[in-house]
Amino acid sequence: MRPALSVILLTTLLGAGQGLFLAMVTHQTYALFGVLSPGGSRGLYGPAAAVSLALLLAGLVASFFHLGRPERAWRSAAMWRTSWLSREVIVLPALMGAVFLYAAAHLAGLNPVLARLPGGVAIDASMAIGAVGAALAFALFVCTGMIYACLKFLREWHSPLTVANYILLGTASGFTAAAALATVLAPGEATFFAGWALVFTALGAASRGASLVRNARLRPVSTLQTAIGVRHPAIRQISQGFTAGSFNTHEFFHGQAASLVRSVKWIFLAAAFVVPAALLAGHLGNGSHALLAAAIAIQMAGLMAERWFFFAEANHPQNLYYQAVA
């Protein structure tokens, strides 16, 4: 498949925004039950939620660049009963609304206590909004991942690992971003976020590695012989199927050399997982805040490369007919 920059930006930015919001809700939950002190983090939740909202909005804006008729985008929600894309279109603005309310509750100080648990734990408005938003964030991860995982004919994507990767990679980048923001807004909490970011980065590496191993073992269901109904063993494709470029050759094949695709794979493995993990571990070891800024910058670049590879790796069956061949 051809990796479209707009879709790469959409999925990468949305994942980071969702993960950053989940990081704030996770920290607030810990503080709610007394595991962490809430005092040093009160100036973090609101601004971090605002950054999360900005990332979600940037992803939404990026999505319009791969629409043929952007003015008809609203129609994409009409098929919510059967389409994961329609469900994503519905869940995304709902999540953005929850993140906005969460940020407003903290930034404006409009955070009344709504209820108390039997142990005396107070549930304020932001915590209730955060719980709803967290559920929506996970729902959005599932919707986005299932857009690709539900396509049976693209076997590289048709796996539960696709959804798991969207969840883990987005959460990892969100917690890394939270750690970097905490160095400025709540320095005492940076270690908490960095520790969880390291865990999710390791889990993401394991999940993405498993998908790479699985996809490397896939064997073609169709061949040139079965595609054209000729059983001769020495058939080879010598033309692209058209005398000029077409929608088929442009949209369903990346057009890059196999060596470049392999290089991108090793680049994203290093930039999305190995280097950020080392920087996060370095922060946990010596407390250097500069390492966290480098970690999020490198990890976001690595995740964009990972998403490019994700699309380029998927081999559409139509390429048996129309793939450009020298």
C-alpha atoms as a PDB file:
ATOM      1  CA  MET A   1       0.000   0.000   0.000  1.00  0.00           C
ATOM      2  CA  ARG A   2       1.062   3.607  -0.521  1.00  0.00           C
ATOM      3  CA  PRO A   3       1.807   5.400   2.768  1.00  0.00           C
ATOM      4  CA  ALA A   4      -0.044   8.728   2.655  1.00  0.00           C
ATOM      5  CA  LEU A   5       1.572  11.433   4.786  1.00  0.00           C
ATOM      6  CA  SER A   6      -1.833  12.664   5.971  1.00  0.00           C
ATOM      7  CA  VAL A   7      -2.745   9.223   7.344  1.00  0.00           C
ATOM      8  CA  ILE A   8       0.693   8.817   8.923  1.00  0.00           C
ATOM      9  CA  LEU A   9       0.258  12.152  10.709  1.00  0.00           C
ATOM     10  CA  LEU A  10      -3.343  11.346  11.629  1.00  0.00           C
ATOM     11  CA  THR A  11      -2.613   8.036  13.328  1.00  0.00           C
ATOM     12  CA  THR A  12       0.636   9.145  14.984  1.00  0.00           C
ATOM     13  CA  LEU A  13      -0.741  12.402  16.398  1.00  0.00           C
ATOM     14  CA  LEU A  14      -4.010  10.851  17.538  1.00  0.00           C
ATOM     15  CA  GLY A  15      -2.145   8.049  19.307  1.00  0.00           C
ATOM     16  CA  ALA A  16       0.118  10.474  21.152  1.00  0.00           C
ATOM     17  CA  GLY A  17      -2.839  12.658  22.137  1.00  0.00           C
ATOM     18  CA  GLN A  18      -4.801   9.694  23.453  1.00  0.00           C
ATOM     19  CA  GLY A  19      -1.789   8.366  25.323  1.00  0.00           C
ATOM     20  CA  LEU A  20      -1.041  11.745  26.891  1.00  0.00           C
ATOM     21  CA  PHE A  21      -4.610  12.053  28.153  1.00  0.00           C
ATOM     22  CA  LEU A  22      -4.485   8.507  29.549  1.00  0.00           C
ATOM     23  CA  ALA A  23      -1.242   9.415  31.327  1.00  0.00           C
ATOM     24  CA  MET A  24      -2.965  12.314  33.101  1.00  0.00           C
ATOM     25  CA  VAL A  25      -5.956  10.201  34.116  1.00  0.00           C
ATOM     26  CA  THR A  26      -3.647   7.435  35.345  1.00  0.00           C
ATOM     27  CA  HIS A  27      -1.651   9.842  37.495  1.00  0.00           C
ATOM     28  CA  GLN A  28      -4.806  11.440  38.896  1.00  0.00           C
ATOM     29  CA  THR A  29      -6.189   8.000  39.763  1.00  0.00           C
ATOM     30  CA  TYR A  30      -3.020   7.146  41.665  1.00  0.00           C
ATOM     31  CA  ALA A  31      -3.253  10.475  43.495  1.00  0.00           C
ATOM     32  CA  LEU A  32      -6.939   9.933  44.212  1.00  0.00           C
ATOM     33  CA  PHE A  33      -6.222   6.786  46.209  1.00  0.00           C
ATOM     34  CA  GLY A  34      -3.199   8.248  47.979  1.00  0.00           C
ATOM     35  CA  VAL A  35      -0.507   6.336  46.105  1.00  0.00           C
ATOM     36  CA  LEU A  36       0.890   9.653  44.832  1.00  0.00           C
ATOM     37  CA  SER A  37       0.732  13.131  46.289  1.00  0.00           C
ATOM     38  CA  PRO A  38      -1.642  15.354  44.268  1.00  0.00           C
ATOM     39  CA  GLY A  39      -0.012  18.582  45.381  1.00  0.00           C
ATOM     40  CA  GLY A  40       2.876  18.710  42.926  1.00  0.00           C
ATOM     41  CA  SER A  41       0.806  17.753  39.887  1.00  0.00           C
ATOM     42  CA  ARG A  42      -2.115  20.207  40.016  1.00  0.00           C
ATOM     43  CA  GLY A  43      -0.395  22.499  37.539  1.00  0.00           C
ATOM     44  CA  LEU A  44       0.211  19.623  35.122  1.00  0.00           C
ATOM     45  CA  TYR A  45      -3.209  18.121  34.387  1.00  0.00           C
ATOM     46  CA  GLY A  46      -4.768  21.160  32.710  1.00  0.00           C
ATOM     47  CA  PRO A  47      -1.870  22.164  30.410  1.00  0.00           C
ATOM     48  CA  ALA A  48      -1.127  18.532  29.510  1.00  0.00           C
ATOM     49  CA  ALA A  49      -4.783  17.990  28.609  1.00  0.00           C
ATOM     50  CA  ALA A  50      -4.622  21.110  26.457  1.00  0.00           C
ATOM     51  CA  VAL A  51      -1.598  19.664  24.636  1.00  0.00           C
ATOM     52  CA  SER A  52      -3.496  16.391  24.232  1.00  0.00           C
ATOM     53  CA  LEU A  53      -6.417  18.273  22.707  1.00  0.00           C
ATOM     54  CA  ALA A  54      -4.031  20.095  20.351  1.00  0.00           C
ATOM     55  CA  LEU A  55      -2.586  16.763  19.183  1.00  0.00           C
ATOM     56  CA  LEU A  56      -6.068  15.351  18.596  1.00  0.00           C
ATOM     57  CA  LEU A  57      -7.063  18.466  16.680  1.00  0.00           C
ATOM     58  CA  ALA A  58      -3.897  18.335  14.577  1.00  0.00           C
ATOM     59  CA  GLY A  59      -4.640  14.709  13.727  1.00  0.00           C
ATOM     60  CA  LEU A  60      -8.195  15.634  12.754  1.00  0.00           C
ATOM     61  CA  VAL A  61      -6.933  18.424  10.489  1.00  0.00           C
ATOM     62  CA  ALA A  62      -4.439  16.034   8.875  1.00  0.00           C
ATOM     63  CA  SER A  63      -7.261  13.608   8.083  1.00  0.00           C
ATOM     64  CA  PHE A  64      -8.896  16.126   5.730  1.00  0.00           C
ATOM     65  CA  PHE A  65      -5.905  16.061   3.385  1.00  0.00           C
ATOM     66  CA  HIS A  66      -6.627  12.528   2.179  1.00  0.00           C
ATOM     67  CA  LEU A  67     -10.299  13.176   1.447  1.00  0.00           C
ATOM     68  CA  GLY A  68     -11.361  13.682  -2.138  1.00  0.00           C
ATOM     69  CA  ARG A  69     -14.368  15.796  -1.098  1.00  0.00           C
ATOM     70  CA  PRO A  70     -13.659  17.248   2.380  1.00  0.00           C
ATOM     71  CA  GLU A  71     -16.980  19.096   2.423  1.00  0.00           C
ATOM     72  CA  ARG A  72     -18.709  15.707   2.549  1.00  0.00           C
ATOM     73  CA  ALA A  73     -16.661  14.410   5.468  1.00  0.00           C
ATOM     74  CA  TRP A  74     -19.688  14.504   7.766  1.00  0.00           C
ATOM     75  CA  ARG A  75     -21.263  11.704   5.736  1.00  0.00           C
ATOM     76  CA  SER A  76     -18.547   9.312   6.880  1.00  0.00           C
ATOM     77  CA  ALA A  77     -20.422   8.834  10.169  1.00  0.00           C
ATOM     78  CA  ALA A  78     -23.537   7.477   8.472  1.00  0.00           C
ATOM     79  CA  MET A  79     -22.412   3.832   8.332  1.00  0.00           C
ATOM     80  CA  TRP A  80     -21.629   3.430  12.039  1.00  0.00           C
ATOM     81  CA  ARG A  81     -23.460   0.094  12.243  1.00  0.00           C
ATOM     82  CA  THR A  82     -20.976  -1.652   9.949  1.00  0.00           C
ATOM     83  CA  SER A  83     -17.973   0.645   9.422  1.00  0.00           C
ATOM     84  CA  TRP A  84     -15.088   1.055  11.858  1.00  0.00           C
ATOM     85  CA  LEU A  85     -14.189   4.287  10.075  1.00  0.00           C
ATOM     86  CA  SER A  86     -17.634   5.695  10.835  1.00  0.00           C
ATOM     87  CA  ARG A  87     -17.252   4.670  14.465  1.00  0.00           C
ATOM     88  CA  GLU A  88     -13.871   6.400  14.608  1.00  0.00           C
ATOM     89  CA  VAL A  89     -15.443   9.560  13.173  1.00  0.00           C
ATOM     90  CA  ILE A  90     -18.042   9.501  15.963  1.00  0.00           C
ATOM     91  CA  VAL A  91     -15.711   8.611  18.850  1.00  0.00           C
ATOM     92  CA  LEU A  92     -12.984  11.154  18.002  1.00  0.00           C
ATOM     93  CA  PRO A  93     -15.067  14.339  18.544  1.00  0.00           C
ATOM     94  CA  ALA A  94     -16.604  12.764  21.655  1.00  0.00           C
ATOM     95  CA  LEU A  95     -13.098  12.216  23.036  1.00  0.00           C
ATOM     96  CA  MET A  96     -12.072  15.746  22.095  1.00  0.00           C
ATOM     97  CA  GLY A  97     -15.083  17.062  23.990  1.00  0.00           C
ATOM     98  CA  ALA A  98     -14.129  15.045  27.082  1.00  0.00           C
ATOM     99  CA  VAL A  99     -10.506  16.220  26.906  1.00  0.00           C
ATOM    100  CA  PHE A 100     -11.682  19.837  26.560  1.00  0.00           C
ATOM    101  CA  LEU A 101     -13.906  19.551  29.620  1.00  0.00           C
ATOM    102  CA  TYR A 102     -11.108  17.861  31.574  1.00  0.00           C
ATOM    103  CA  ALA A 103      -8.673  20.650  30.685  1.00  0.00           C
ATOM    104  CA  ALA A 104     -11.260  23.332  31.486  1.00  0.00           C
ATOM    105  CA  ALA A 105     -12.046  21.769  34.869  1.00  0.00           C
ATOM    106  CA  HIS A 106      -8.399  22.059  35.906  1.00  0.00           C
ATOM    107  CA  LEU A 107      -7.442  25.318  34.200  1.00  0.00           C
ATOM    108  CA  ALA A 108     -10.572  27.213  35.274  1.00  0.00           C
ATOM    109  CA  GLY A 109     -10.787  25.603  38.705  1.00  0.00           C
ATOM    110  CA  LEU A 110     -14.331  24.363  38.027  1.00  0.00           C
ATOM    111  CA  ASN A 111     -13.850  21.031  39.714  1.00  0.00           C
ATOM    112  CA  PRO A 112     -16.548  20.381  42.357  1.00  0.00           C
ATOM    113  CA  VAL A 113     -16.747  17.149  44.323  1.00  0.00           C
ATOM    114  CA  LEU A 114     -19.506  14.971  42.858  1.00  0.00           C
ATOM    115  CA  ALA A 115     -19.465  11.996  45.221  1.00  0.00           C
ATOM    116  CA  ARG A 116     -17.507  10.283  47.966  1.00  0.00           C
ATOM    117  CA  LEU A 117     -16.559   6.638  48.100  1.00  0.00           C
ATOM    118  CA  PRO A 118     -17.183   4.640  51.296  1.00  0.00           C
ATOM    119  CA  GLY A 119     -13.584   5.207  52.381  1.00  0.00           C
ATOM    120  CA  GLY A 120     -13.994   8.958  52.098  1.00  0.00           C
ATOM    121  CA  VAL A 121     -12.259   9.287  48.719  1.00  0.00           C
ATOM    122  CA  ALA A 122     -13.698  12.310  46.891  1.00  0.00           C
ATOM    123  CA  ILE A 123     -14.639  11.955  43.223  1.00  0.00           C
ATOM    124  CA  ASP A 124     -14.466  15.395  41.631  1.00  0.00           C
ATOM    125  CA  ALA A 125     -15.765  16.487  38.237  1.00  0.00           C
ATOM    126  CA  SER A 126     -12.406  16.131  36.469  1.00  0.00           C
ATOM    127  CA  MET A 127     -12.021  12.554  37.700  1.00  0.00           C
ATOM    128  CA  ALA A 128     -15.475  11.635  36.397  1.00  0.00           C
ATOM    129  CA  ILE A 129     -14.743  13.306  33.059  1.00  0.00           C
ATOM    130  CA  GLY A 130     -11.354  11.604  32.958  1.00  0.00           C
ATOM    131  CA  ALA A 131     -12.927   8.172  33.430  1.00  0.00           C
ATOM    132  CA  VAL A 132     -15.333   8.781  30.544  1.00  0.00           C
ATOM    133  CA  GLY A 133     -12.510  10.181  28.417  1.00  0.00           C
ATOM    134  CA  ALA A 134     -10.270   7.195  29.148  1.00  0.00           C
ATOM    135  CA  ALA A 135     -13.010   4.835  27.958  1.00  0.00           C
ATOM    136  CA  LEU A 136     -13.398   6.914  24.794  1.00  0.00           C
ATOM    137  CA  ALA A 137      -9.618   6.918  24.249  1.00  0.00           C
ATOM    138  CA  PHE A 138      -9.497   3.126  24.342  1.00  0.00           C
ATOM    139  CA  ALA A 139     -12.563   2.963  22.087  1.00  0.00           C
ATOM    140  CA  LEU A 140     -10.805   5.232  19.587  1.00  0.00           C
ATOM    141  CA  PHE A 141      -7.697   3.034  19.653  1.00  0.00           C
ATOM    142  CA  VAL A 142      -9.864   0.015  18.865  1.00  0.00           C
ATOM    143  CA  CYS A 143     -11.782   1.804  16.103  1.00  0.00           C
ATOM    144  CA  THR A 144      -8.596   3.048  14.430  1.00  0.00           C
ATOM    145  CA  GLY A 145      -6.865  -0.315  14.664  1.00  0.00           C
ATOM    146  CA  MET A 146      -9.906  -2.224  13.419  1.00  0.00           C
ATOM    147  CA  ILE A 147     -10.123  -0.061  10.293  1.00  0.00           C
ATOM    148  CA  TYR A 148      -7.057  -2.002   9.171  1.00  0.00           C
ATOM    149  CA  ALA A 149      -7.379  -5.251  11.115  1.00  0.00           C
ATOM    150  CA  CYS A 150     -10.815  -6.002   9.642  1.00  0.00           C
ATOM    151  CA  LEU A 151      -9.446  -6.185   6.078  1.00  0.00           C
ATOM    152  CA  LYS A 152      -9.051  -9.922   5.505  1.00  0.00           C
ATOM    153  CA  PHE A 153      -7.446  -9.547   2.082  1.00  0.00           C
ATOM    154  CA  LEU A 154      -4.561  -7.520   3.569  1.00  0.00           C
ATOM    155  CA  ARG A 155      -3.111 -10.334   5.634  1.00  0.00           C
ATOM    156  CA  GLU A 156      -0.315  -8.232   7.143  1.00  0.00           C
ATOM    157  CA  TRP A 157      -3.003  -6.157   8.893  1.00  0.00           C
ATOM    158  CA  HIS A 158      -5.626  -8.824   9.591  1.00  0.00           C
ATOM    159  CA  SER A 159      -4.462  -9.690  13.090  1.00  0.00           C
ATOM    160  CA  PRO A 160      -5.267  -8.747  16.712  1.00  0.00           C
ATOM    161  CA  LEU A 161      -1.680  -7.498  16.880  1.00  0.00           C
ATOM    162  CA  THR A 162      -2.686  -4.523  14.733  1.00  0.00           C
ATOM    163  CA  VAL A 163      -5.083  -3.252  17.388  1.00  0.00           C
ATOM    164  CA  ALA A 164      -2.605  -4.078  20.177  1.00  0.00           C
ATOM    165  CA  ASN A 165       0.103  -2.096  18.405  1.00  0.00           C
ATOM    166  CA  TYR A 166      -2.098   0.974  18.021  1.00  0.00           C
ATOM    167  CA  ILE A 167      -2.924   0.879  21.735  1.00  0.00           C
ATOM    168  CA  LEU A 168       0.605   0.235  22.991  1.00  0.00           C
ATOM    169  CA  LEU A 169       2.488   2.566  20.647  1.00  0.00           C
ATOM    170  CA  GLY A 170       0.075   5.437  21.236  1.00  0.00           C
ATOM    171  CA  THR A 171       0.173   4.910  24.995  1.00  0.00           C
ATOM    172  CA  ALA A 172       3.978   4.712  24.993  1.00  0.00           C
ATOM    173  CA  SER A 173       4.351   8.004  23.101  1.00  0.00           C
ATOM    174  CA  GLY A 174       1.724   9.648  25.319  1.00  0.00           C
ATOM    175  CA  PHE A 175       3.470   8.697  28.549  1.00  0.00           C
ATOM    176  CA  THR A 176       6.827   9.793  27.119  1.00  0.00           C
ATOM    177  CA  ALA A 177       5.272  13.146  26.207  1.00  0.00           C
ATOM    178  CA  ALA A 178       3.812  13.363  29.719  1.00  0.00           C
ATOM    179  CA  ALA A 179       7.251  12.774  31.214  1.00  0.00           C
ATOM    180  CA  ALA A 180       8.738  15.537  29.060  1.00  0.00           C
ATOM    181  CA  LEU A 181       5.943  17.973  30.012  1.00  0.00           C
ATOM    182  CA  ALA A 182       6.324  17.082  33.676  1.00  0.00           C
ATOM    183  CA  THR A 183       9.944  18.206  33.644  1.00  0.00           C
ATOM    184  CA  VAL A 184       8.626  21.761  33.162  1.00  0.00           C
ATOM    185  CA  LEU A 185       5.289  21.725  34.981  1.00  0.00           C
ATOM    186  CA  ALA A 186       5.759  19.127  37.732  1.00  0.00           C
ATOM    187  CA  PRO A 187       9.412  18.005  37.935  1.00  0.00           C
ATOM    188  CA  GLY A 188       8.771  15.675  40.849  1.00  0.00           C
ATOM    189  CA  GLU A 189       6.353  13.584  38.788  1.00  0.00           C
ATOM    190  CA  ALA A 190       8.560  13.071  35.721  1.00  0.00           C
ATOM    191  CA  THR A 191       9.927   9.802  37.082  1.00  0.00           C
ATOM    192  CA  PHE A 192       6.414   8.347  37.432  1.00  0.00           C
ATOM    193  CA  PHE A 193       5.598   9.006  33.778  1.00  0.00           C
ATOM    194  CA  ALA A 194       9.047   7.967  32.573  1.00  0.00           C
ATOM    195  CA  GLY A 195       8.736   4.617  34.348  1.00  0.00           C
ATOM    196  CA  TRP A 196       5.380   3.859  32.745  1.00  0.00           C
ATOM    197  CA  ALA A 197       6.640   5.130  29.381  1.00  0.00           C
ATOM    198  CA  LEU A 198       9.510   2.644  29.582  1.00  0.00           C
ATOM    199  CA  VAL A 199       7.073  -0.177  30.365  1.00  0.00           C
ATOM    200  CA  PHE A 200       4.760   0.674  27.470  1.00  0.00           C
ATOM    201  CA  THR A 201       7.683   1.176  25.101  1.00  0.00           C
ATOM    202  CA  ALA A 202       8.946  -2.316  25.974  1.00  0.00           C
ATOM    203  CA  LEU A 203       5.461  -3.799  25.551  1.00  0.00           C
ATOM    204  CA  GLY A 204       5.067  -1.965  22.236  1.00  0.00           C
ATOM    205  CA  ALA A 205       8.410  -3.311  21.037  1.00  0.00           C
ATOM    206  CA  ALA A 206       7.361  -6.857  21.932  1.00  0.00           C
ATOM    207  CA  SER A 207       3.979  -6.489  20.215  1.00  0.00           C
ATOM    208  CA  ARG A 208       5.393  -4.847  17.075  1.00  0.00           C
ATOM    209  CA  GLY A 209       8.186  -7.384  16.946  1.00  0.00           C
ATOM    210  CA  ALA A 210       5.629 -10.186  17.129  1.00  0.00           C
ATOM    211  CA  SER A 211       3.727  -8.694  14.186  1.00  0.00           C
ATOM    212  CA  LEU A 212       6.951  -8.428  12.166  1.00  0.00           C
ATOM    213  CA  VAL A 213       7.758 -12.086  12.839  1.00  0.00           C
ATOM    214  CA  ARG A 214       4.191 -13.119  11.968  1.00  0.00           C
ATOM    215  CA  ASN A 215       4.158 -11.146   8.712  1.00  0.00           C
ATOM    216  CA  ALA A 216       7.558 -12.489   7.666  1.00  0.00           C
ATOM    217  CA  ARG A 217       6.119 -16.023   7.882  1.00  0.00           C
ATOM    218  CA  LEU A 218       3.085 -15.296   5.721  1.00  0.00           C
ATOM    219  CA  ARG A 219       2.954 -17.179   2.443  1.00  0.00           C
ATOM    220  CA  PRO A 220       1.035 -15.843  -0.577  1.00  0.00           C
ATOM    221  CA  VAL A 221      -2.451 -17.278  -0.986  1.00  0.00           C
ATOM    222  CA  SER A 222      -2.554 -16.154  -4.623  1.00  0.00           C
ATOM    223  CA  THR A 223       0.210 -16.244  -7.217  1.00  0.00           C
ATOM    224  CA  LEU A 224       0.594 -15.048 -10.780  1.00  0.00           C
ATOM    225  CA  GLN A 225      -0.543 -18.496 -11.873  1.00  0.00           C
ATOM    226  CA  THR A 226      -3.761 -18.459  -9.849  1.00  0.00           C
ATOM    227  CA  ALA A 227      -4.393 -14.814 -10.670  1.00  0.00           C
ATOM    228  CA  ILE A 228      -4.613 -15.404 -14.429  1.00  0.00           C
ATOM    229  CA  GLY A 229      -5.641 -19.074 -14.347  1.00  0.00           C
ATOM    230  CA  VAL A 230      -2.514 -20.395 -16.063  1.00  0.00           C
ATOM    231  CA  ARG A 231      -0.513 -23.134 -14.346  1.00  0.00           C
ATOM    232  CA  HIS A 232       2.752 -22.742 -16.240  1.00  0.00           C
ATOM    233  CA  PRO A 233       5.598 -22.614 -13.670  1.00  0.00           C
ATOM    234  CA  ALA A 234       7.664 -19.944 -15.452  1.00  0.00           C
ATOM    235  CA  ILE A 235       5.291 -16.964 -15.536  1.00  0.00           C
ATOM    236  CA  ARG A 236       6.692 -13.547 -14.665  1.00  0.00           C
ATOM    237  CA  GLN A 237       5.279 -10.036 -14.745  1.00  0.00           C
ATOM    238  CA  ILE A 238       7.111  -7.741 -17.151  1.00  0.00           C
ATOM    239  CA  SER A 239       4.773  -4.725 -17.306  1.00  0.00           C
ATOM    240  CA  GLN A 240       2.695  -2.750 -14.835  1.00  0.00           C
ATOM    241  CA  GLY A 241      -0.584  -3.629 -16.520  1.00  0.00           C
ATOM    242  CA  PHE A 242      -1.101  -0.154 -17.972  1.00  0.00           C
ATOM    243  CA  THR A 243       0.635   2.012 -20.541  1.00  0.00           C
ATOM    244  CA  ALA A 244       0.701   4.831 -17.976  1.00  0.00           C
ATOM    245  CA  GLY A 245       0.179   5.371 -14.269  1.00  0.00           C
ATOM    246  CA  SER A 246      -3.241   4.717 -12.784  1.00  0.00           C
ATOM    247  CA  PHE A 247      -5.165   4.740  -9.509  1.00  0.00           C
ATOM    248  CA  ASN A 248      -4.157   1.107  -9.031  1.00  0.00           C
ATOM    249  CA  THR A 249      -0.434   1.665  -9.391  1.00  0.00           C
ATOM    250  CA  HIS A 250      -0.537   4.904  -7.397  1.00  0.00           C
ATOM    251  CA  GLU A 251      -2.658   3.929  -4.381  1.00  0.00           C
ATOM    252  CA  PHE A 252      -1.974   0.240  -3.810  1.00  0.00           C
ATOM    253  CA  PHE A 253       1.804   0.075  -4.166  1.00  0.00           C
ATOM    254  CA  HIS A 254       4.410   2.254  -2.478  1.00  0.00           C
ATOM    255  CA  GLY A 255       6.748   2.238  -5.475  1.00  0.00           C
ATOM    256  CA  GLN A 256       9.917   2.045  -3.369  1.00  0.00           C
ATOM    257  CA  ALA A 257      12.752  -0.446  -3.580  1.00  0.00           C
ATOM    258  CA  ALA A 258      12.681  -3.412  -1.210  1.00  0.00           C
ATOM    259  CA  SER A 259      16.018  -2.253   0.227  1.00  0.00           C
ATOM    260  CA  LEU A 260      14.454   1.058   1.314  1.00  0.00           C
ATOM    261  CA  VAL A 261      11.552  -0.708   3.000  1.00  0.00           C
ATOM    262  CA  ARG A 262      13.985  -2.925   4.926  1.00  0.00           C
ATOM    263  CA  SER A 263      16.004   0.130   5.955  1.00  0.00           C
ATOM    264  CA  VAL A 264      12.901   1.894   7.279  1.00  0.00           C
ATOM    265  CA  LYS A 265      12.096  -1.174   9.359  1.00  0.00           C
ATOM    266  CA  TRP A 266      15.426  -1.062  11.178  1.00  0.00           C
ATOM    267  CA  ILE A 267      15.217   2.717  11.523  1.00  0.00           C
ATOM    268  CA  PHE A 268      11.813   2.642  13.224  1.00  0.00           C
ATOM    269  CA  LEU A 269      12.796  -0.236  15.505  1.00  0.00           C
ATOM    270  CA  ALA A 270      15.726   1.834  16.745  1.00  0.00           C
ATOM    271  CA  ALA A 271      14.011   5.232  16.852  1.00  0.00           C
ATOM    272  CA  ALA A 272      10.621   4.158  18.226  1.00  0.00           C
ATOM    273  CA  PHE A 273      11.825   1.632  20.792  1.00  0.00           C
ATOM    274  CA  VAL A 274      15.539   1.122  21.409  1.00  0.00           C
ATOM    275  CA  VAL A 275      16.734   4.732  21.655  1.00  0.00           C
ATOM    276  CA  PRO A 276      13.726   6.074  23.626  1.00  0.00           C
ATOM    277  CA  ALA A 277      13.952   3.139  26.026  1.00  0.00           C
ATOM    278  CA  ALA A 278      17.633   3.876  26.614  1.00  0.00           C
ATOM    279  CA  LEU A 279      16.909   7.580  27.189  1.00  0.00           C
ATOM    280  CA  LEU A 280      14.034   6.824  29.567  1.00  0.00           C
ATOM    281  CA  ALA A 281      16.201   4.386  31.471  1.00  0.00           C
ATOM    282  CA  GLY A 282      18.925   7.027  31.579  1.00  0.00           C
ATOM    283  CA  HIS A 283      16.519   9.498  33.146  1.00  0.00           C
ATOM    284  CA  LEU A 284      15.449   6.943  35.744  1.00  0.00           C
ATOM    285  CA  GLY A 285      19.111   6.347  36.509  1.00  0.00           C
ATOM    286  CA  ASN A 286      20.391   9.910  36.829  1.00  0.00           C
ATOM    287  CA  GLY A 287      17.301  12.170  36.751  1.00  0.00           C
ATOM    288  CA  SER A 288      18.378  14.117  33.667  1.00  0.00           C
ATOM    289  CA  HIS A 289      15.346  15.952  32.298  1.00  0.00           C
ATOM    290  CA  ALA A 290      17.064  16.684  28.970  1.00  0.00           C
ATOM    291  CA  LEU A 291      16.928  12.971  28.155  1.00  0.00           C
ATOM    292  CA  LEU A 292      13.127  13.034  28.254  1.00  0.00           C
ATOM    293  CA  ALA A 293      12.878  15.846  25.690  1.00  0.00           C
ATOM    294  CA  ALA A 294      15.160  13.870  23.395  1.00  0.00           C
ATOM    295  CA  ALA A 295      13.165  10.701  24.032  1.00  0.00           C
ATOM    296  CA  ILE A 296       9.824  12.124  22.885  1.00  0.00           C
ATOM    297  CA  ALA A 297      11.324  13.840  19.820  1.00  0.00           C
ATOM    298  CA  ILE A 298      13.075  10.668  18.665  1.00  0.00           C
ATOM    299  CA  GLN A 299      10.141   8.411  19.511  1.00  0.00           C
ATOM    300  CA  MET A 300       7.643  10.501  17.547  1.00  0.00           C
ATOM    301  CA  ALA A 301       9.944  10.467  14.520  1.00  0.00           C
ATOM    302  CA  GLY A 302      10.366   6.715  14.937  1.00  0.00           C
ATOM    303  CA  LEU A 303       6.619   6.159  15.172  1.00  0.00           C
ATOM    304  CA  MET A 304       6.091   8.082  11.946  1.00  0.00           C
ATOM    305  CA  ALA A 305       8.627   5.780  10.287  1.00  0.00           C
ATOM    306  CA  GLU A 306       6.837   2.795  11.847  1.00  0.00           C
ATOM    307  CA  ARG A 307       3.540   3.958  10.411  1.00  0.00           C
ATOM    308  CA  TRP A 308       5.132   4.406   6.961  1.00  0.00           C
ATOM    309  CA  PHE A 309       6.402   0.838   7.160  1.00  0.00           C
ATOM    310  CA  PHE A 310       3.000  -0.379   8.397  1.00  0.00           C
ATOM    311  CA  PHE A 311       1.371   0.810   5.182  1.00  0.00           C
ATOM    312  CA  ALA A 312       4.219  -0.118   2.865  1.00  0.00           C
ATOM    313  CA  GLU A 313       4.389  -3.656   4.287  1.00  0.00           C
ATOM    314  CA  ALA A 314       0.775  -4.447   3.348  1.00  0.00           C
ATOM    315  CA  ASN A 315       0.722  -6.144  -0.050  1.00  0.00           C
ATOM    316  CA  HIS A 316      -2.582  -5.597  -1.822  1.00  0.00           C
ATOM    317  CA  PRO A 317      -3.671  -8.620  -3.931  1.00  0.00           C
ATOM    318  CA  GLN A 318      -4.210  -6.359  -6.951  1.00  0.00           C
ATOM    319  CA  ASN A 319      -0.428  -5.979  -7.174  1.00  0.00           C
ATOM    320  CA  LEU A 320      -0.398  -9.388  -8.836  1.00  0.00           C
ATOM    321  CA  TYR A 321      -1.807  -7.524 -11.856  1.00  0.00           C
ATOM    322  CA  TYR A 322      -0.848  -3.879 -11.572  1.00  0.00           C
ATOM    323  CA  GLN A 323       2.355  -3.515  -9.548  1.00  0.00           C
ATOM    324  CA  ALA A 324       4.933  -1.451 -11.419  1.00  0.00           C
ATOM    325  CA  VAL A 325       7.728  -3.689 -12.657  1.00  0.00           C
ATOM    326  CA  ALA A 326      10.833  -2.455 -14.431  1.00  0.00           C
END
